[in-house]
Structures are given as C-alpha cells and as structure tokens.
PDB file of all heavy atoms in Angstrom:
ATOM      1  N   GLN A   1     217.116 239.384  57.033  1.00  0.00           N
ATOM      2  CA  GLN A   1     215.661 239.287  57.028  1.00  0.00           C
ATOM      3  C   GLN A   1     215.027 240.502  56.378  1.00  0.00           C
ATOM      4  O   GLN A   1     214.031 240.379  55.641  1.00  0.00           O
ATOM      5  CB  GLN A   1     215.122 239.106  58.442  1.00  0.00           C
ATOM      6  CG  GLN A   1     213.679 238.604  58.485  1.00  0.00           C
ATOM      7  CD  GLN A   1     213.503 237.276  57.768  1.00  0.00           C
ATOM      8  OE1 GLN A   1     214.258 236.318  57.975  1.00  0.00           O
ATOM      9  NE2 GLN A   1     212.508 237.208  56.875  1.00  0.00           N
ATOM     10  N   SER A   2     215.585 241.681  56.609  1.00  0.00           N
ATOM     11  CA  SER A   2     215.049 242.883  55.962  1.00  0.00           C
ATOM     12  C   SER A   2     215.110 242.748  54.449  1.00  0.00           C
ATOM     13  O   SER A   2     214.171 243.136  53.735  1.00  0.00           O
ATOM     14  CB  SER A   2     215.854 244.123  56.394  1.00  0.00           C
ATOM     15  OG  SER A   2     215.634 244.421  57.749  1.00  0.00           O
ATOM     16  N   ASN A   3     216.202 242.189  53.961  1.00  0.00           N
ATOM     17  CA  ASN A   3     216.342 241.993  52.523  1.00  0.00           C
ATOM     18  C   ASN A   3     215.330 240.987  51.992  1.00  0.00           C
ATOM     19  O   ASN A   3     214.651 241.241  50.984  1.00  0.00           O
ATOM     20  CB  ASN A   3     217.762 241.522  52.202  1.00  0.00           C
ATOM     21  CG  ASN A   3     218.008 241.395  50.715  1.00  0.00           C
ATOM     22  OD1 ASN A   3     217.842 242.342  49.964  1.00  0.00           O
ATOM     23  ND2 ASN A   3     218.399 240.202  50.272  1.00  0.00           N
ATOM     24  N   LEU A   4     215.204 239.872  52.664  1.00  0.00           N
ATOM     25  CA  LEU A   4     214.270 238.841  52.213  1.00  0.00           C
ATOM     26  C   LEU A   4     212.817 239.335  52.275  1.00  0.00           C
ATOM     27  O   LEU A   4     212.015 239.043  51.374  1.00  0.00           O
ATOM     28  CB  LEU A   4     214.435 237.578  53.068  1.00  0.00           C
ATOM     29  CG  LEU A   4     215.763 236.831  52.913  1.00  0.00           C
ATOM     30  CD1 LEU A   4     215.840 235.667  53.893  1.00  0.00           C
ATOM     31  CD2 LEU A   4     215.951 236.333  51.476  1.00  0.00           C
ATOM     32  N   ASP A   5     212.494 240.087  53.314  1.00  0.00           N
ATOM     33  CA  ASP A   5     211.134 240.624  53.436  1.00  0.00           C
ATOM     34  C   ASP A   5     210.822 241.579  52.280  1.00  0.00           C
ATOM     35  O   ASP A   5     209.710 241.566  51.724  1.00  0.00           O
ATOM     36  CB  ASP A   5     210.970 241.365  54.767  1.00  0.00           C
ATOM     37  CG  ASP A   5     210.962 240.426  55.968  1.00  0.00           C
ATOM     38  OD1 ASP A   5     210.817 239.202  55.759  1.00  0.00           O
ATOM     39  OD2 ASP A   5     211.112 240.920  57.102  1.00  0.00           O
ATOM     40  N   ALA A   6     211.794 242.406  51.905  1.00  0.00           N
ATOM     41  CA  ALA A   6     211.589 243.358  50.815  1.00  0.00           C
ATOM     42  C   ALA A   6     211.401 242.635  49.490  1.00  0.00           C
ATOM     43  O   ALA A   6     210.537 243.016  48.676  1.00  0.00           O
ATOM     44  CB  ALA A   6     212.773 244.317  50.733  1.00  0.00           C
ATOM     45  N   LEU A   7     212.188 241.584  49.262  1.00  0.00           N
ATOM     46  CA  LEU A   7     212.039 240.809  48.030  1.00  0.00           C
ATOM     47  C   LEU A   7     210.668 240.156  47.952  1.00  0.00           C
ATOM     48  O   LEU A   7     210.020 240.148  46.896  1.00  0.00           O
ATOM     49  CB  LEU A   7     213.140 239.739  47.944  1.00  0.00           C
ATOM     50  CG  LEU A   7     214.592 240.213  47.873  1.00  0.00           C
ATOM     51  CD1 LEU A   7     215.522 239.012  47.800  1.00  0.00           C
ATOM     52  CD2 LEU A   7     214.816 241.111  46.667  1.00  0.00           C
ATOM     53  N   GLN A   8     210.231 239.602  49.068  1.00  0.00           N
ATOM     54  CA  GLN A   8     208.939 238.935  49.099  1.00  0.00           C
ATOM     55  C   GLN A   8     207.800 239.921  48.833  1.00  0.00           C
ATOM     56  O   GLN A   8     206.883 239.641  48.046  1.00  0.00           O
ATOM     57  CB  GLN A   8     208.736 238.261  50.461  1.00  0.00           C
ATOM     58  CG  GLN A   8     207.413 237.531  50.636  1.00  0.00           C
ATOM     59  CD  GLN A   8     207.258 236.357  49.685  1.00  0.00           C
ATOM     60  OE1 GLN A   8     208.251 235.728  49.298  1.00  0.00           O
ATOM     61  NE2 GLN A   8     206.021 236.051  49.288  1.00  0.00           N
ATOM     62  N   ALA A   9     207.880 241.087  49.452  1.00  0.00           N
ATOM     63  CA  ALA A   9     206.832 242.093  49.262  1.00  0.00           C
ATOM     64  C   ALA A   9     206.800 242.579  47.813  1.00  0.00           C
ATOM     65  O   ALA A   9     205.723 242.759  47.231  1.00  0.00           O
ATOM     66  CB  ALA A   9     207.062 243.269  50.205  1.00  0.00           C
ATOM     67  N   LEU A  10     207.974 242.785  47.203  1.00  0.00           N
ATOM     68  CA  LEU A  10     208.019 243.234  45.816  1.00  0.00           C
ATOM     69  C   LEU A  10     207.460 242.158  44.886  1.00  0.00           C
ATOM     70  O   LEU A  10     206.717 242.471  43.936  1.00  0.00           O
ATOM     71  CB  LEU A  10     209.461 243.558  45.413  1.00  0.00           C
ATOM     72  CG  LEU A  10     209.644 244.119  44.005  1.00  0.00           C
ATOM     73  CD1 LEU A  10     209.004 245.501  43.894  1.00  0.00           C
ATOM     74  CD2 LEU A  10     211.132 244.203  43.640  1.00  0.00           C
ATOM     75  N   SER A  11     207.792 240.910  45.164  1.00  0.00           N
ATOM     76  CA  SER A  11     207.288 239.807  44.345  1.00  0.00           C
ATOM     77  C   SER A  11     205.771 239.725  44.420  1.00  0.00           C
ATOM     78  O   SER A  11     205.092 239.502  43.404  1.00  0.00           O
ATOM     79  CB  SER A  11     207.918 238.492  44.806  1.00  0.00           C
ATOM     80  OG  SER A  11     207.402 237.402  44.089  1.00  0.00           O
ATOM     81  N   GLU A  12     205.226 239.894  45.611  1.00  0.00           N
ATOM     82  CA  GLU A  12     203.775 239.838  45.779  1.00  0.00           C
ATOM     83  C   GLU A  12     203.094 241.022  45.107  1.00  0.00           C
ATOM     84  O   GLU A  12     201.999 240.895  44.565  1.00  0.00           O
ATOM     85  CB  GLU A  12     203.439 239.808  47.272  1.00  0.00           C
ATOM     86  CG  GLU A  12     203.859 238.501  47.962  1.00  0.00           C
ATOM     87  CD  GLU A  12     203.637 238.545  49.464  1.00  0.00           C
ATOM     88  OE1 GLU A  12     203.222 239.615  49.969  1.00  0.00           O
ATOM     89  OE2 GLU A  12     203.893 237.521  50.131  1.00  0.00           O
ATOM     90  N   GLN A  13     203.741 242.170  45.128  1.00  0.00           N
ATOM     91  CA  GLN A  13     203.152 243.379  44.570  1.00  0.00           C
ATOM     92  C   GLN A  13     203.232 243.417  43.045  1.00  0.00           C
ATOM     93  O   GLN A  13     202.271 243.792  42.365  1.00  0.00           O
ATOM     94  CB  GLN A  13     203.849 244.608  45.149  1.00  0.00           C
ATOM     95  CG  GLN A  13     203.312 245.933  44.606  1.00  0.00           C
ATOM     96  CD  GLN A  13     204.129 247.122  45.094  1.00  0.00           C
ATOM     97  OE1 GLN A  13     205.110 246.969  45.799  1.00  0.00           O
ATOM     98  NE2 GLN A  13     203.703 248.310  44.706  1.00  0.00           N
ATOM     99  N   LYS A  14     204.388 243.013  42.495  1.00  0.00           N
ATOM    100  CA  LYS A  14     204.627 243.195  41.066  1.00  0.00           C
ATOM    101  C   LYS A  14     204.913 241.899  40.313  1.00  0.00           C
ATOM    102  O   LYS A  14     205.159 241.936  39.101  1.00  0.00           O
ATOM    103  CB  LYS A  14     205.788 244.175  40.847  1.00  0.00           C
ATOM    104  CG  LYS A  14     205.497 245.570  41.390  1.00  0.00           C
ATOM    105  CD  LYS A  14     206.520 246.598  40.940  1.00  0.00           C
ATOM    106  CE  LYS A  14     206.129 247.995  41.396  1.00  0.00           C
ATOM    107  NZ  LYS A  14     207.096 249.030  40.931  1.00  0.00           N
ATOM    108  N   GLY A  15     204.860 240.767  41.008  1.00  0.00           N
ATOM    109  CA  GLY A  15     205.063 239.489  40.341  1.00  0.00           C
ATOM    110  C   GLY A  15     206.511 239.030  40.406  1.00  0.00           C
ATOM    111  O   GLY A  15     207.423 239.830  40.611  1.00  0.00           O
ATOM    112  N   ARG A  16     206.712 237.722  40.193  1.00  0.00           N
ATOM    113  CA  ARG A  16     208.049 237.147  40.298  1.00  0.00           C
ATOM    114  C   ARG A  16     209.014 237.740  39.281  1.00  0.00           C
ATOM    115  O   ARG A  16     210.225 237.782  39.499  1.00  0.00           O
ATOM    116  CB  ARG A  16     207.976 235.625  40.101  1.00  0.00           C
ATOM    117  CG  ARG A  16     207.274 234.861  41.212  1.00  0.00           C
ATOM    118  CD  ARG A  16     208.074 234.858  42.494  1.00  0.00           C
ATOM    119  NE  ARG A  16     209.385 234.253  42.355  1.00  0.00           N
ATOM    120  CZ  ARG A  16     210.305 234.216  43.318  1.00  0.00           C
ATOM    121  NH1 ARG A  16     210.067 234.792  44.483  1.00  0.00           N
ATOM    122  NH2 ARG A  16     211.475 233.624  43.115  1.00  0.00           N
ATOM    123  N   GLN A  17     208.495 238.220  38.155  1.00  0.00           N
ATOM    124  CA  GLN A  17     209.383 238.777  37.135  1.00  0.00           C
ATOM    125  C   GLN A  17     210.103 240.038  37.627  1.00  0.00           C
ATOM    126  O   GLN A  17     211.129 240.425  37.070  1.00  0.00           O
ATOM    127  CB  GLN A  17     208.599 239.089  35.850  1.00  0.00           C
ATOM    128  CG  GLN A  17     207.645 240.256  35.938  1.00  0.00           C
ATOM    129  CD  GLN A  17     206.273 239.875  36.497  1.00  0.00           C
ATOM    130  OE1 GLN A  17     206.085 238.755  36.999  1.00  0.00           O
ATOM    131  NE2 GLN A  17     205.311 240.786  36.391  1.00  0.00           N
ATOM    132  N   ALA A  18     209.571 240.653  38.688  1.00  0.00           N
ATOM    133  CA  ALA A  18     210.235 241.833  39.241  1.00  0.00           C
ATOM    134  C   ALA A  18     211.585 241.489  39.855  1.00  0.00           C
ATOM    135  O   ALA A  18     212.430 242.370  40.036  1.00  0.00           O
ATOM    136  CB  ALA A  18     209.346 242.496  40.295  1.00  0.00           C
ATOM    137  N   LEU A  19     211.797 240.211  40.173  1.00  0.00           N
ATOM    138  CA  LEU A  19     213.053 239.785  40.785  1.00  0.00           C
ATOM    139  C   LEU A  19     214.100 239.375  39.761  1.00  0.00           C
ATOM    140  O   LEU A  19     215.195 238.953  40.129  1.00  0.00           O
ATOM    141  CB  LEU A  19     212.800 238.629  41.766  1.00  0.00           C
ATOM    142  CG  LEU A  19     211.807 238.903  42.904  1.00  0.00           C
ATOM    143  CD1 LEU A  19     211.779 237.731  43.872  1.00  0.00           C
ATOM    144  CD2 LEU A  19     212.149 240.199  43.640  1.00  0.00           C
ATOM    145  N   LEU A  20     213.783 239.486  38.490  1.00  0.00           N
ATOM    146  CA  LEU A  20     214.780 239.204  37.456  1.00  0.00           C
ATOM    147  C   LEU A  20     215.815 240.323  37.422  1.00  0.00           C
ATOM    148  O   LEU A  20     215.501 241.483  37.696  1.00  0.00           O
ATOM    149  CB  LEU A  20     214.101 239.069  36.097  1.00  0.00           C
ATOM    150  CG  LEU A  20     213.108 237.905  35.951  1.00  0.00           C
ATOM    151  CD1 LEU A  20     212.428 237.949  34.586  1.00  0.00           C
ATOM    152  CD2 LEU A  20     213.805 236.558  36.170  1.00  0.00           C
ATOM    153  N   GLY A  21     217.030 239.964  37.063  1.00  0.00           N
ATOM    154  CA  GLY A  21     218.130 240.917  37.112  1.00  0.00           C
ATOM    155  C   GLY A  21     217.873 242.195  36.343  1.00  0.00           C
ATOM    156  O   GLY A  21     218.240 243.291  36.792  1.00  0.00           O
ATOM    157  N   HIS A  22     217.225 242.098  35.184  1.00  0.00           N
ATOM    158  CA  HIS A  22     217.016 243.300  34.368  1.00  0.00           C
ATOM    159  C   HIS A  22     215.821 244.116  34.821  1.00  0.00           C
ATOM    160  O   HIS A  22     215.644 245.260  34.371  1.00  0.00           O
ATOM    161  CB  HIS A  22     216.858 242.917  32.890  1.00  0.00           C
ATOM    162  CG  HIS A  22     215.621 242.137  32.582  1.00  0.00           C
ATOM    163  ND1 HIS A  22     215.548 240.774  32.731  1.00  0.00           N
ATOM    164  CD2 HIS A  22     214.401 242.530  32.120  1.00  0.00           C
ATOM    165  CE1 HIS A  22     214.348 240.354  32.371  1.00  0.00           C
ATOM    166  NE2 HIS A  22     213.623 241.406  32.006  1.00  0.00           N
ATOM    167  N   ASN A  23     214.987 243.553  35.699  1.00  0.00           N
ATOM    168  CA  ASN A  23     213.797 244.277  36.158  1.00  0.00           C
ATOM    169  C   ASN A  23     213.914 244.830  37.566  1.00  0.00           C
ATOM    170  O   ASN A  23     213.220 245.785  37.928  1.00  0.00           O
ATOM    171  CB  ASN A  23     212.578 243.349  36.125  1.00  0.00           C
ATOM    172  CG  ASN A  23     212.077 243.085  34.717  1.00  0.00           C
ATOM    173  OD1 ASN A  23     212.268 243.905  33.820  1.00  0.00           O
ATOM    174  ND2 ASN A  23     211.462 241.935  34.515  1.00  0.00           N
ATOM    175  N   PHE A  24     214.769 244.227  38.372  1.00  0.00           N
ATOM    176  CA  PHE A  24     214.685 244.406  39.822  1.00  0.00           C
ATOM    177  C   PHE A  24     214.820 245.862  40.276  1.00  0.00           C
ATOM    178  O   PHE A  24     213.943 246.400  40.955  1.00  0.00           O
ATOM    179  CB  PHE A  24     215.734 243.534  40.518  1.00  0.00           C
ATOM    180  CG  PHE A  24     215.753 243.696  42.008  1.00  0.00           C
ATOM    181  CD1 PHE A  24     214.664 243.310  42.771  1.00  0.00           C
ATOM    182  CD2 PHE A  24     216.847 244.255  42.649  1.00  0.00           C
ATOM    183  CE1 PHE A  24     214.663 243.460  44.150  1.00  0.00           C
ATOM    184  CE2 PHE A  24     216.863 244.409  44.021  1.00  0.00           C
ATOM    185  CZ  PHE A  24     215.771 244.014  44.772  1.00  0.00           C
ATOM    186  N   VAL A  25     215.909 246.534  39.923  1.00  0.00           N
ATOM    187  CA  VAL A  25     216.124 247.898  40.428  1.00  0.00           C
ATOM    188  C   VAL A  25     215.046 248.842  39.907  1.00  0.00           C
ATOM    189  O   VAL A  25     214.507 249.670  40.652  1.00  0.00           O
ATOM    190  CB  VAL A  25     217.525 248.417  40.038  1.00  0.00           C
ATOM    191  CG1 VAL A  25     217.704 249.855  40.501  1.00  0.00           C
ATOM    192  CG2 VAL A  25     218.603 247.532  40.645  1.00  0.00           C
ATOM    193  N   TYR A  26     214.674 248.679  38.629  1.00  0.00           N
ATOM    194  CA  TYR A  26     213.616 249.530  38.083  1.00  0.00           C
ATOM    195  C   TYR A  26     212.294 249.260  38.787  1.00  0.00           C
ATOM    196  O   TYR A  26     211.514 250.198  39.039  1.00  0.00           O
ATOM    197  CB  TYR A  26     213.469 249.291  36.584  1.00  0.00           C
ATOM    198  CG  TYR A  26     212.365 250.129  35.985  1.00  0.00           C
ATOM    199  CD1 TYR A  26     212.574 251.475  35.715  1.00  0.00           C
ATOM    200  CD2 TYR A  26     211.113 249.589  35.711  1.00  0.00           C
ATOM    201  CE1 TYR A  26     211.563 252.272  35.193  1.00  0.00           C
ATOM    202  CE2 TYR A  26     210.092 250.373  35.185  1.00  0.00           C
ATOM    203  CZ  TYR A  26     210.327 251.707  34.927  1.00  0.00           C
ATOM    204  OH  TYR A  26     209.321 252.486  34.416  1.00  0.00           O
ATOM    205  N   ALA A  27     212.052 247.993  39.146  1.00  0.00           N
ATOM    206  CA  ALA A  27     210.779 247.637  39.767  1.00  0.00           C
ATOM    207  C   ALA A  27     210.582 248.344  41.101  1.00  0.00           C
ATOM    208  O   ALA A  27     209.456 248.698  41.464  1.00  0.00           O
ATOM    209  CB  ALA A  27     210.695 246.116  39.963  1.00  0.00           C
ATOM    210  N   TYR A  28     211.669 248.573  41.835  1.00  0.00           N
ATOM    211  CA  TYR A  28     211.471 249.225  43.130  1.00  0.00           C
ATOM    212  C   TYR A  28     211.817 250.708  43.133  1.00  0.00           C
ATOM    213  O   TYR A  28     211.440 251.426  44.061  1.00  0.00           O
ATOM    214  CB  TYR A  28     212.213 248.491  44.253  1.00  0.00           C
ATOM    215  CG  TYR A  28     213.714 248.718  44.356  1.00  0.00           C
ATOM    216  CD1 TYR A  28     214.233 249.879  44.920  1.00  0.00           C
ATOM    217  CD2 TYR A  28     214.611 247.734  43.955  1.00  0.00           C
ATOM    218  CE1 TYR A  28     215.595 250.070  45.057  1.00  0.00           C
ATOM    219  CE2 TYR A  28     215.984 247.916  44.087  1.00  0.00           C
ATOM    220  CZ  TYR A  28     216.467 249.087  44.647  1.00  0.00           C
ATOM    221  OH  TYR A  28     217.824 249.263  44.784  1.00  0.00           O
ATOM    222  N   SER A  29     212.518 251.201  42.114  1.00  0.00           N
ATOM    223  CA  SER A  29     212.899 252.610  42.162  1.00  0.00           C
ATOM    224  C   SER A  29     212.744 253.359  40.852  1.00  0.00           C
ATOM    225  O   SER A  29     212.874 254.580  40.835  1.00  0.00           O
ATOM    226  CB  SER A  29     214.364 252.737  42.602  1.00  0.00           C
ATOM    227  OG  SER A  29     215.251 252.253  41.599  1.00  0.00           O
TER     228      SER A  29
END
C-alpha cells in the first residue's frame, strides 16, 4: 500500500507520464 500510495501521489502531482520507465526515478528524485 505504501508503494501504491506513492505512485498515486506522484501521478497526481506530475501527471501519468511520471510513471513511465524513463521518467519515474527522475520524477521523484
């Protein structure tokens, strides 16, 4: 659940494209 909550929050903050493989780690760190 912690993982899913973090993904959802990042998606809401930066858009669904933040969850793409080439964007994800950069999007949060």
